[in-house]
Amino acid sequence: MNKYELTVIVSTKLEEEERAAVIAKVGEHIARYGGTVTNIDDWGKKRLAYEIQKMKEGFYYFVQFEGDSNCPNEVEKQIRIMEPVIRYLCVRLDA
């Protein structure tokens, strides 16, 4: 099992419950493809380095999980089509 960190930036147009639902859905996708979420770190609202979809701010979440090598690819396919997610990045952590 490899360790990964998934950074997700969610739109500021969503209420707190809706943002929690988006992150829960990300966790469900990870579990569906054989991964295990180990930690979710909420950094809150931060200013973006550049404007994305006419938004200057976003809510940052860092999801750490373990999974086999195809898990991140499958999770990214699902996150790519989630409308509230404005950016994401998945990286493998060194053991």
PDB file of N, CA and C in Angstrom:
ATOM      1  N   MET A   1       0.836  -1.188   0.000  1.00  0.00           N
ATOM      2  CA  MET A   1       0.000   0.000   0.000  1.00  0.00           C
ATOM      3  C   MET A   1       0.875   1.243   0.000  1.00  0.00           C
ATOM      4  N   ASN A   2       0.589   2.139  -0.899  1.00  0.00           N
ATOM      5  CA  ASN A   2       1.309   3.410  -0.989  1.00  0.00           C
ATOM      6  C   ASN A   2       0.536   4.481  -0.241  1.00  0.00           C
ATOM      7  N   LYS A   3       1.245   5.514   0.212  1.00  0.00           N
ATOM      8  CA  LYS A   3       0.609   6.635   0.898  1.00  0.00           C
ATOM      9  C   LYS A   3       0.509   7.804  -0.070  1.00  0.00           C
ATOM     10  N   TYR A   4      -0.647   8.460  -0.067  1.00  0.00           N
ATOM     11  CA  TYR A   4      -0.910   9.573  -0.968  1.00  0.00           C
ATOM     12  C   TYR A   4      -1.497  10.737  -0.198  1.00  0.00           C
ATOM     13  N   GLU A   5      -1.357  11.928  -0.779  1.00  0.00           N
ATOM     14  CA  GLU A   5      -2.028  13.113  -0.249  1.00  0.00           C
ATOM     15  C   GLU A   5      -2.781  13.771  -1.392  1.00  0.00           C
ATOM     16  N   LEU A   6      -4.053  13.984  -1.178  1.00  0.00           N
ATOM     17  CA  LEU A   6      -4.932  14.592  -2.169  1.00  0.00           C
ATOM     18  C   LEU A   6      -5.318  15.980  -1.682  1.00  0.00           C
ATOM     19  N   THR A   7      -4.986  16.993  -2.449  1.00  0.00           N
ATOM     20  CA  THR A   7      -5.380  18.362  -2.132  1.00  0.00           C
ATOM     21  C   THR A   7      -6.610  18.694  -2.962  1.00  0.00           C
ATOM     22  N   VAL A   8      -7.647  19.174  -2.291  1.00  0.00           N
ATOM     23  CA  VAL A   8      -8.902  19.515  -2.961  1.00  0.00           C
ATOM     24  C   VAL A   8      -9.251  20.956  -2.605  1.00  0.00           C
ATOM     25  N   ILE A   9      -9.522  21.769  -3.622  1.00  0.00           N
ATOM     26  CA  ILE A   9      -9.986  23.140  -3.398  1.00  0.00           C
ATOM     27  C   ILE A   9     -11.450  23.197  -3.818  1.00  0.00           C
ATOM     28  N   VAL A  10     -12.296  23.565  -2.860  1.00  0.00           N
ATOM     29  CA  VAL A  10     -13.746  23.582  -3.062  1.00  0.00           C
ATOM     30  C   VAL A  10     -14.226  25.019  -3.169  1.00  0.00           C
ATOM     31  N   SER A  11     -15.241  25.235  -3.975  1.00  0.00           N
ATOM     32  CA  SER A  11     -15.816  26.559  -4.208  1.00  0.00           C
ATOM     33  C   SER A  11     -16.319  27.201  -2.911  1.00  0.00           C
ATOM     34  N   THR A  12     -16.172  28.527  -2.835  1.00  0.00           N
ATOM     35  CA  THR A  12     -16.656  29.258  -1.657  1.00  0.00           C
ATOM     36  C   THR A  12     -18.158  29.512  -1.710  1.00  0.00           C
ATOM     37  N   LYS A  13     -18.798  29.161  -2.805  1.00  0.00           N
ATOM     38  CA  LYS A  13     -20.241  29.373  -2.945  1.00  0.00           C
ATOM     39  C   LYS A  13     -21.054  28.369  -2.144  1.00  0.00           C
ATOM     40  N   LEU A  14     -20.414  27.319  -1.621  1.00  0.00           N
ATOM     41  CA  LEU A  14     -21.119  26.261  -0.901  1.00  0.00           C
ATOM     42  C   LEU A  14     -21.187  26.560   0.593  1.00  0.00           C
ATOM     43  N   GLU A  15     -22.266  26.106   1.215  1.00  0.00           N
ATOM     44  CA  GLU A  15     -22.400  26.193   2.664  1.00  0.00           C
ATOM     45  C   GLU A  15     -21.539  25.112   3.315  1.00  0.00           C
ATOM     46  N   GLU A  16     -21.376  25.200   4.626  1.00  0.00           N
ATOM     47  CA  GLU A  16     -20.508  24.267   5.351  1.00  0.00           C
ATOM     48  C   GLU A  16     -20.959  22.813   5.202  1.00  0.00           C
ATOM     49  N   GLU A  17     -22.265  22.562   5.264  1.00  0.00           N
ATOM     50  CA  GLU A  17     -22.780  21.193   5.129  1.00  0.00           C
ATOM     51  C   GLU A  17     -22.495  20.635   3.730  1.00  0.00           C
ATOM     52  N   GLU A  18     -22.635  21.482   2.727  1.00  0.00           N
ATOM     53  CA  GLU A  18     -22.383  21.046   1.352  1.00  0.00           C
ATOM     54  C   GLU A  18     -20.910  20.733   1.132  1.00  0.00           C
ATOM     55  N   ARG A  19     -20.022  21.544   1.724  1.00  0.00           N
ATOM     56  CA  ARG A  19     -18.581  21.271   1.626  1.00  0.00           C
ATOM     57  C   ARG A  19     -18.241  19.958   2.315  1.00  0.00           C
ATOM     58  N   ALA A  20     -18.844  19.718   3.477  1.00  0.00           N
ATOM     59  CA  ALA A  20     -18.609  18.456   4.194  1.00  0.00           C
ATOM     60  C   ALA A  20     -19.082  17.274   3.355  1.00  0.00           C
ATOM     61  N   ALA A  21     -20.191  17.448   2.644  1.00  0.00           N
ATOM     62  CA  ALA A  21     -20.706  16.376   1.789  1.00  0.00           C
ATOM     63  C   ALA A  21     -19.759  16.099   0.622  1.00  0.00           C
ATOM     64  N   VAL A  22     -19.150  17.141   0.071  1.00  0.00           N
ATOM     65  CA  VAL A  22     -18.200  16.962  -1.034  1.00  0.00           C
ATOM     66  C   VAL A  22     -16.992  16.162  -0.553  1.00  0.00           C
ATOM     67  N   ILE A  23     -16.457  16.514   0.612  1.00  0.00           N
ATOM     68  CA  ILE A  23     -15.285  15.806   1.145  1.00  0.00           C
ATOM     69  C   ILE A  23     -15.654  14.377   1.534  1.00  0.00           C
ATOM     70  N   ALA A  24     -16.874  14.169   2.056  1.00  0.00           N
ATOM     71  CA  ALA A  24     -17.320  12.807   2.361  1.00  0.00           C
ATOM     72  C   ALA A  24     -17.411  11.975   1.086  1.00  0.00           C
ATOM     73  N   LYS A  25     -17.867  12.596   0.011  1.00  0.00           N
ATOM     74  CA  LYS A  25     -17.960  11.892  -1.276  1.00  0.00           C
ATOM     75  C   LYS A  25     -16.569  11.515  -1.792  1.00  0.00           C
ATOM     76  N   VAL A  26     -15.589  12.390  -1.594  1.00  0.00           N
ATOM     77  CA  VAL A  26     -14.214  12.071  -1.971  1.00  0.00           C
ATOM     78  C   VAL A  26     -13.737  10.853  -1.183  1.00  0.00           C
ATOM     79  N   GLY A  27     -14.037  10.821   0.111  1.00  0.00           N
ATOM     80  CA  GLY A  27     -13.680   9.666   0.938  1.00  0.00           C
ATOM     81  C   GLY A  27     -14.354   8.387   0.472  1.00  0.00           C
ATOM     82  N   GLU A  28     -15.597   8.497   0.026  1.00  0.00           N
ATOM     83  CA  GLU A  28     -16.309   7.327  -0.505  1.00  0.00           C
ATOM     84  C   GLU A  28     -15.646   6.816  -1.777  1.00  0.00           C
ATOM     85  N   HIS A  29     -15.216   7.729  -2.642  1.00  0.00           N
ATOM     86  CA  HIS A  29     -14.533   7.316  -3.874  1.00  0.00           C
ATOM     87  C   HIS A  29     -13.220   6.595  -3.548  1.00  0.00           C
ATOM     88  N   ILE A  30     -12.498   7.110  -2.560  1.00  0.00           N
ATOM     89  CA  ILE A  30     -11.240   6.468  -2.165  1.00  0.00           C
ATOM     90  C   ILE A  30     -11.521   5.056  -1.652  1.00  0.00           C
ATOM     91  N   ALA A  31     -12.537   4.911  -0.812  1.00  0.00           N
ATOM     92  CA  ALA A  31     -12.877   3.586  -0.266  1.00  0.00           C
ATOM     93  C   ALA A  31     -13.355   2.639  -1.365  1.00  0.00           C
ATOM     94  N   ARG A  32     -14.093   3.162  -2.339  1.00  0.00           N
ATOM     95  CA  ARG A  32     -14.615   2.331  -3.429  1.00  0.00           C
ATOM     96  C   ARG A  32     -13.488   1.681  -4.229  1.00  0.00           C
ATOM     97  N   TYR A  33     -12.380   2.392  -4.373  1.00  0.00           N
ATOM     98  CA  TYR A  33     -11.266   1.875  -5.169  1.00  0.00           C
ATOM     99  C   TYR A  33     -10.171   1.253  -4.312  1.00  0.00           C
ATOM    100  N   GLY A  34     -10.529   0.811  -3.109  1.00  0.00           N
ATOM    101  CA  GLY A  34      -9.614   0.038  -2.280  1.00  0.00           C
ATOM    102  C   GLY A  34      -8.683   0.851  -1.400  1.00  0.00           C
ATOM    103  N   GLY A  35      -8.916   2.133  -1.265  1.00  0.00           N
ATOM    104  CA  GLY A  35      -8.067   2.970  -0.421  1.00  0.00           C
ATOM    105  C   GLY A  35      -8.645   3.152   0.967  1.00  0.00           C
ATOM    106  N   THR A  36      -7.827   3.653   1.871  1.00  0.00           N
ATOM    107  CA  THR A  36      -8.243   3.926   3.244  1.00  0.00           C
ATOM    108  C   THR A  36      -7.822   5.344   3.606  1.00  0.00           C
ATOM    109  N   VAL A  37      -8.789   6.178   3.994  1.00  0.00           N
ATOM    110  CA  VAL A  37      -8.488   7.553   4.396  1.00  0.00           C
ATOM    111  C   VAL A  37      -7.871   7.519   5.793  1.00  0.00           C
ATOM    112  N   THR A  38      -6.695   8.144   5.948  1.00  0.00           N
ATOM    113  CA  THR A  38      -6.027   8.168   7.249  1.00  0.00           C
ATOM    114  C   THR A  38      -6.175   9.504   7.959  1.00  0.00           C
ATOM    115  N   ASN A  39      -6.329  10.603   7.199  1.00  0.00           N
ATOM    116  CA  ASN A  39      -6.435  11.918   7.822  1.00  0.00           C
ATOM    117  C   ASN A  39      -7.051  12.904   6.835  1.00  0.00           C
ATOM    118  N   ILE A  40      -7.896  13.800   7.349  1.00  0.00           N
ATOM    119  CA  ILE A  40      -8.437  14.898   6.554  1.00  0.00           C
ATOM    120  C   ILE A  40      -8.112  16.184   7.292  1.00  0.00           C
ATOM    121  N   ASP A  41      -7.382  17.067   6.624  1.00  0.00           N
ATOM    122  CA  ASP A  41      -6.950  18.324   7.218  1.00  0.00           C
ATOM    123  C   ASP A  41      -7.678  19.470   6.521  1.00  0.00           C
ATOM    124  N   ASP A  42      -8.452  20.242   7.284  1.00  0.00           N
ATOM    125  CA  ASP A  42      -9.224  21.366   6.746  1.00  0.00           C
ATOM    126  C   ASP A  42      -8.459  22.657   7.020  1.00  0.00           C
ATOM    127  N   TRP A  43      -7.981  23.307   5.966  1.00  0.00           N
ATOM    128  CA  TRP A  43      -7.248  24.558   6.126  1.00  0.00           C
ATOM    129  C   TRP A  43      -8.160  25.778   6.048  1.00  0.00           C
ATOM    130  N   GLY A  44      -9.413  25.583   5.713  1.00  0.00           N
ATOM    131  CA  GLY A  44     -10.346  26.697   5.657  1.00  0.00           C
ATOM    132  C   GLY A  44     -10.219  27.512   4.380  1.00  0.00           C
ATOM    133  N   LYS A  45     -10.760  28.726   4.423  1.00  0.00           N
ATOM    134  CA  LYS A  45     -10.790  29.589   3.238  1.00  0.00           C
ATOM    135  C   LYS A  45      -9.451  30.289   3.076  1.00  0.00           C
ATOM    136  N   LYS A  46      -8.891  30.171   1.873  1.00  0.00           N
ATOM    137  CA  LYS A  46      -7.610  30.801   1.552  1.00  0.00           C
ATOM    138  C   LYS A  46      -7.730  31.528   0.211  1.00  0.00           C
ATOM    139  N   ARG A  47      -6.922  32.542   0.048  1.00  0.00           N
ATOM    140  CA  ARG A  47      -6.868  33.267  -1.211  1.00  0.00           C
ATOM    141  C   ARG A  47      -6.096  32.432  -2.232  1.00  0.00           C
ATOM    142  N   LEU A  48      -6.628  32.346  -3.440  1.00  0.00           N
ATOM    143  CA  LEU A  48      -5.971  31.602  -4.508  1.00  0.00           C
ATOM    144  C   LEU A  48      -4.819  32.420  -5.090  1.00  0.00           C
ATOM    145  N   ALA A  49      -3.828  31.741  -5.617  1.00  0.00           N
ATOM    146  CA  ALA A  49      -2.687  32.424  -6.221  1.00  0.00           C
ATOM    147  C   ALA A  49      -3.107  33.176  -7.488  1.00  0.00           C
ATOM    148  N   TYR A  50      -4.109  32.641  -8.179  1.00  0.00           N
ATOM    149  CA  TYR A  50      -4.642  33.291  -9.365  1.00  0.00           C
ATOM    150  C   TYR A  50      -6.126  32.954  -9.456  1.00  0.00           C
ATOM    151  N   GLU A  51      -6.845  33.755 -10.197  1.00  0.00           N
ATOM    152  CA  GLU A  51      -8.291  33.592 -10.309  1.00  0.00           C
ATOM    153  C   GLU A  51      -8.632  32.329 -11.092  1.00  0.00           C
ATOM    154  N   ILE A  52      -9.560  31.534 -10.545  1.00  0.00           N
ATOM    155  CA  ILE A  52     -10.029  30.313 -11.197  1.00  0.00           C
ATOM    156  C   ILE A  52     -11.552  30.413 -11.295  1.00  0.00           C
ATOM    157  N   GLN A  53     -12.083  30.326 -12.486  1.00  0.00           N
ATOM    158  CA  GLN A  53     -13.530  30.404 -12.722  1.00  0.00           C
ATOM    159  C   GLN A  53     -14.128  31.651 -12.058  1.00  0.00           C
ATOM    160  N   LYS A  54     -13.419  32.768 -12.163  1.00  0.00           N
ATOM    161  CA  LYS A  54     -13.822  34.060 -11.601  1.00  0.00           C
ATOM    162  C   LYS A  54     -13.917  34.044 -10.078  1.00  0.00           C
ATOM    163  N   MET A  55     -13.215  33.105  -9.424  1.00  0.00           N
ATOM    164  CA  MET A  55     -13.171  33.035  -7.960  1.00  0.00           C
ATOM    165  C   MET A  55     -11.767  33.381  -7.496  1.00  0.00           C
ATOM    166  N   LYS A  56     -11.697  34.147  -6.415  1.00  0.00           N
ATOM    167  CA  LYS A  56     -10.402  34.545  -5.873  1.00  0.00           C
ATOM    168  C   LYS A  56     -10.056  33.798  -4.592  1.00  0.00           C
ATOM    169  N   GLU A  57     -11.019  33.050  -4.037  1.00  0.00           N
ATOM    170  CA  GLU A  57     -10.808  32.300  -2.798  1.00  0.00           C
ATOM    171  C   GLU A  57     -11.380  30.896  -2.940  1.00  0.00           C
ATOM    172  N   GLY A  58     -10.904  29.994  -2.099  1.00  0.00           N
ATOM    173  CA  GLY A  58     -11.407  28.630  -2.093  1.00  0.00           C
ATOM    174  C   GLY A  58     -11.145  27.984  -0.742  1.00  0.00           C
ATOM    175  N   PHE A  59     -11.863  26.903  -0.453  1.00  0.00           N
ATOM    176  CA  PHE A  59     -11.662  26.148   0.777  1.00  0.00           C
ATOM    177  C   PHE A  59     -10.713  25.000   0.485  1.00  0.00           C
ATOM    178  N   TYR A  60      -9.622  24.925   1.241  1.00  0.00           N
ATOM    179  CA  TYR A  60      -8.577  23.923   1.026  1.00  0.00           C
ATOM    180  C   TYR A  60      -8.770  22.737   1.963  1.00  0.00           C
ATOM    181  N   TYR A  61      -8.681  21.528   1.395  1.00  0.00           N
ATOM    182  CA  TYR A  61      -8.733  20.287   2.162  1.00  0.00           C
ATOM    183  C   TYR A  61      -7.575  19.401   1.717  1.00  0.00           C
ATOM    184  N   PHE A  62      -6.921  18.784   2.688  1.00  0.00           N
ATOM    185  CA  PHE A  62      -5.840  17.840   2.412  1.00  0.00           C
ATOM    186  C   PHE A  62      -6.261  16.481   2.940  1.00  0.00           C
ATOM    187  N   VAL A  63      -6.423  15.515   2.046  1.00  0.00           N
ATOM    188  CA  VAL A  63      -6.883  14.172   2.399  1.00  0.00           C
ATOM    189  C   VAL A  63      -5.709  13.218   2.229  1.00  0.00           C
ATOM    190  N   GLN A  64      -5.272  12.619   3.329  1.00  0.00           N
ATOM    191  CA  GLN A  64      -4.205  11.625   3.261  1.00  0.00           C
ATOM    192  C   GLN A  64      -4.846  10.251   3.257  1.00  0.00           C
ATOM    193  N   PHE A  65      -4.367   9.383   2.362  1.00  0.00           N
ATOM    194  CA  PHE A  65      -4.930   8.044   2.274  1.00  0.00           C
ATOM    195  C   PHE A  65      -3.893   7.046   1.813  1.00  0.00           C
ATOM    196  N   GLU A  66      -4.211   5.788   2.027  1.00  0.00           N
ATOM    197  CA  GLU A  66      -3.366   4.687   1.581  1.00  0.00           C
ATOM    198  C   GLU A  66      -4.147   3.886   0.552  1.00  0.00           C
ATOM    199  N   GLY A  67      -3.430   3.389  -0.449  1.00  0.00           N
ATOM    200  CA  GLY A  67      -4.089   2.604  -1.481  1.00  0.00           C
ATOM    201  C   GLY A  67      -3.075   2.020  -2.439  1.00  0.00           C
ATOM    202  N   ASP A  68      -3.559   1.163  -3.319  1.00  0.00           N
ATOM    203  CA  ASP A  68      -2.650   0.599  -4.314  1.00  0.00           C
ATOM    204  C   ASP A  68      -2.419   1.617  -5.431  1.00  0.00           C
ATOM    205  N   SER A  69      -1.601   1.272  -6.388  1.00  0.00           N
ATOM    206  CA  SER A  69      -1.141   2.239  -7.382  1.00  0.00           C
ATOM    207  C   SER A  69      -2.226   2.749  -8.326  1.00  0.00           C
ATOM    208  N   ASN A  70      -3.315   2.021  -8.529  1.00  0.00           N
ATOM    209  CA  ASN A  70      -4.350   2.512  -9.448  1.00  0.00           C
ATOM    210  C   ASN A  70      -5.421   3.340  -8.735  1.00  0.00           C
ATOM    211  N   CYS A  71      -5.439   3.351  -7.412  1.00  0.00           N
ATOM    212  CA  CYS A  71      -6.450   4.096  -6.649  1.00  0.00           C
ATOM    213  C   CYS A  71      -6.442   5.599  -6.967  1.00  0.00           C
ATOM    214  N   PRO A  72      -5.293   6.287  -6.955  1.00  0.00           N
ATOM    215  CA  PRO A  72      -5.316   7.733  -7.244  1.00  0.00           C
ATOM    216  C   PRO A  72      -5.862   8.066  -8.632  1.00  0.00           C
ATOM    217  N   ASN A  73      -5.534   7.257  -9.625  1.00  0.00           N
ATOM    218  CA  ASN A  73      -6.039   7.520 -10.978  1.00  0.00           C
ATOM    219  C   ASN A  73      -7.558   7.423 -11.031  1.00  0.00           C
ATOM    220  N   GLU A  74      -8.105   6.397 -10.391  1.00  0.00           N
ATOM    221  CA  GLU A  74      -9.557   6.222 -10.395  1.00  0.00           C
ATOM    222  C   GLU A  74     -10.249   7.329  -9.607  1.00  0.00           C
ATOM    223  N   VAL A  75      -9.671   7.725  -8.479  1.00  0.00           N
ATOM    224  CA  VAL A  75     -10.250   8.795  -7.662  1.00  0.00           C
ATOM    225  C   VAL A  75     -10.221  10.112  -8.436  1.00  0.00           C
ATOM    226  N   GLU A  76      -9.110  10.388  -9.129  1.00  0.00           N
ATOM    227  CA  GLU A  76      -9.017  11.621  -9.909  1.00  0.00           C
ATOM    228  C   GLU A  76     -10.059  11.669 -11.020  1.00  0.00           C
ATOM    229  N   LYS A  77     -10.361  10.528 -11.625  1.00  0.00           N
ATOM    230  CA  LYS A  77     -11.397  10.486 -12.663  1.00  0.00           C
ATOM    231  C   LYS A  77     -12.747  10.929 -12.101  1.00  0.00           C
ATOM    232  N   GLN A  78     -13.034  10.536 -10.855  1.00  0.00           N
ATOM    233  CA  GLN A  78     -14.303  10.904 -10.235  1.00  0.00           C
ATOM    234  C   GLN A  78     -14.314  12.359  -9.767  1.00  0.00           C
ATOM    235  N   ILE A  79     -13.189  12.815  -9.215  1.00  0.00           N
ATOM    236  CA  ILE A  79     -13.124  14.196  -8.719  1.00  0.00           C
ATOM    237  C   ILE A  79     -13.180  15.193  -9.870  1.00  0.00           C
ATOM    238  N   ARG A  80     -12.615  14.828 -11.001  1.00  0.00           N
ATOM    239  CA  ARG A  80     -12.574  15.703 -12.174  1.00  0.00           C
ATOM    240  C   ARG A  80     -13.977  16.169 -12.585  1.00  0.00           C
ATOM    241  N   ILE A  81     -14.982  15.324 -12.394  1.00  0.00           N
ATOM    242  CA  ILE A  81     -16.336  15.673 -12.830  1.00  0.00           C
ATOM    243  C   ILE A  81     -17.210  16.238 -11.711  1.00  0.00           C
ATOM    244  N   MET A  82     -16.643  16.406 -10.518  1.00  0.00           N
ATOM    245  CA  MET A  82     -17.397  16.998  -9.408  1.00  0.00           C
ATOM    246  C   MET A  82     -17.401  18.515  -9.566  1.00  0.00           C
ATOM    247  N   GLU A  83     -18.570  19.105  -9.743  1.00  0.00           N
ATOM    248  CA  GLU A  83     -18.672  20.525 -10.041  1.00  0.00           C
ATOM    249  C   GLU A  83     -18.164  21.452  -8.936  1.00  0.00           C
ATOM    250  N   PRO A  84     -18.397  21.169  -7.637  1.00  0.00           N
ATOM    251  CA  PRO A  84     -17.919  22.102  -6.599  1.00  0.00           C
ATOM    252  C   PRO A  84     -16.403  22.137  -6.442  1.00  0.00           C
ATOM    253  N   VAL A  85     -15.698  21.133  -6.955  1.00  0.00           N
ATOM    254  CA  VAL A  85     -14.238  21.086  -6.843  1.00  0.00           C
ATOM    255  C   VAL A  85     -13.644  21.929  -7.970  1.00  0.00           C
ATOM    256  N   ILE A  86     -12.894  22.982  -7.589  1.00  0.00           N
ATOM    257  CA  ILE A  86     -12.327  23.846  -8.620  1.00  0.00           C
ATOM    258  C   ILE A  86     -10.895  23.447  -8.972  1.00  0.00           C
ATOM    259  N   ARG A  87     -10.172  22.797  -8.059  1.00  0.00           N
ATOM    260  CA  ARG A  87      -8.836  22.266  -8.343  1.00  0.00           C
ATOM    261  C   ARG A  87      -8.568  21.077  -7.433  1.00  0.00           C
ATOM    262  N   TYR A  88      -7.690  20.182  -7.896  1.00  0.00           N
ATOM    263  CA  TYR A  88      -7.273  19.040  -7.086  1.00  0.00           C
ATOM    264  C   TYR A  88      -5.876  18.624  -7.525  1.00  0.00           C
ATOM    265  N   LEU A  89      -5.177  17.952  -6.630  1.00  0.00           N
ATOM    266  CA  LEU A  89      -3.850  17.434  -6.943  1.00  0.00           C
ATOM    267  C   LEU A  89      -3.575  16.258  -6.013  1.00  0.00           C
ATOM    268  N   CYS A  90      -3.162  15.147  -6.587  1.00  0.00           N
ATOM    269  CA  CYS A  90      -2.853  13.957  -5.798  1.00  0.00           C
ATOM    270  C   CYS A  90      -1.373  13.642  -5.988  1.00  0.00           C
ATOM    271  N   VAL A  91      -0.647  13.504  -4.880  1.00  0.00           N
ATOM    272  CA  VAL A  91       0.771  13.176  -4.929  1.00  0.00           C
ATOM    273  C   VAL A  91       1.053  11.975  -4.018  1.00  0.00           C
ATOM    274  N   ARG A  92       2.068  11.216  -4.391  1.00  0.00           N
ATOM    275  CA  ARG A  92       2.489  10.072  -3.588  1.00  0.00           C
ATOM    276  C   ARG A  92       3.486  10.565  -2.543  1.00  0.00           C
ATOM    277  N   LEU A  93       3.279  10.174  -1.285  1.00  0.00           N
ATOM    278  CA  LEU A  93       4.182  10.563  -0.210  1.00  0.00           C
ATOM    279  C   LEU A  93       5.307   9.544  -0.116  1.00  0.00           C
ATOM    280  N   ASP A  94       6.511  10.002   0.165  1.00  0.00           N
ATOM    281  CA  ASP A  94       7.629   9.094   0.361  1.00  0.00           C
ATOM    282  C   ASP A  94       7.491   8.366   1.686  1.00  0.00           C
ATOM    283  N   ALA A  95       7.813   7.090   1.681  1.00  0.00           N
ATOM    284  CA  ALA A  95       7.674   6.296   2.905  1.00  0.00           C
ATOM    285  C   ALA A  95       8.874   6.448   3.804  1.00  0.00           C
TER     286      ALA A  95
END
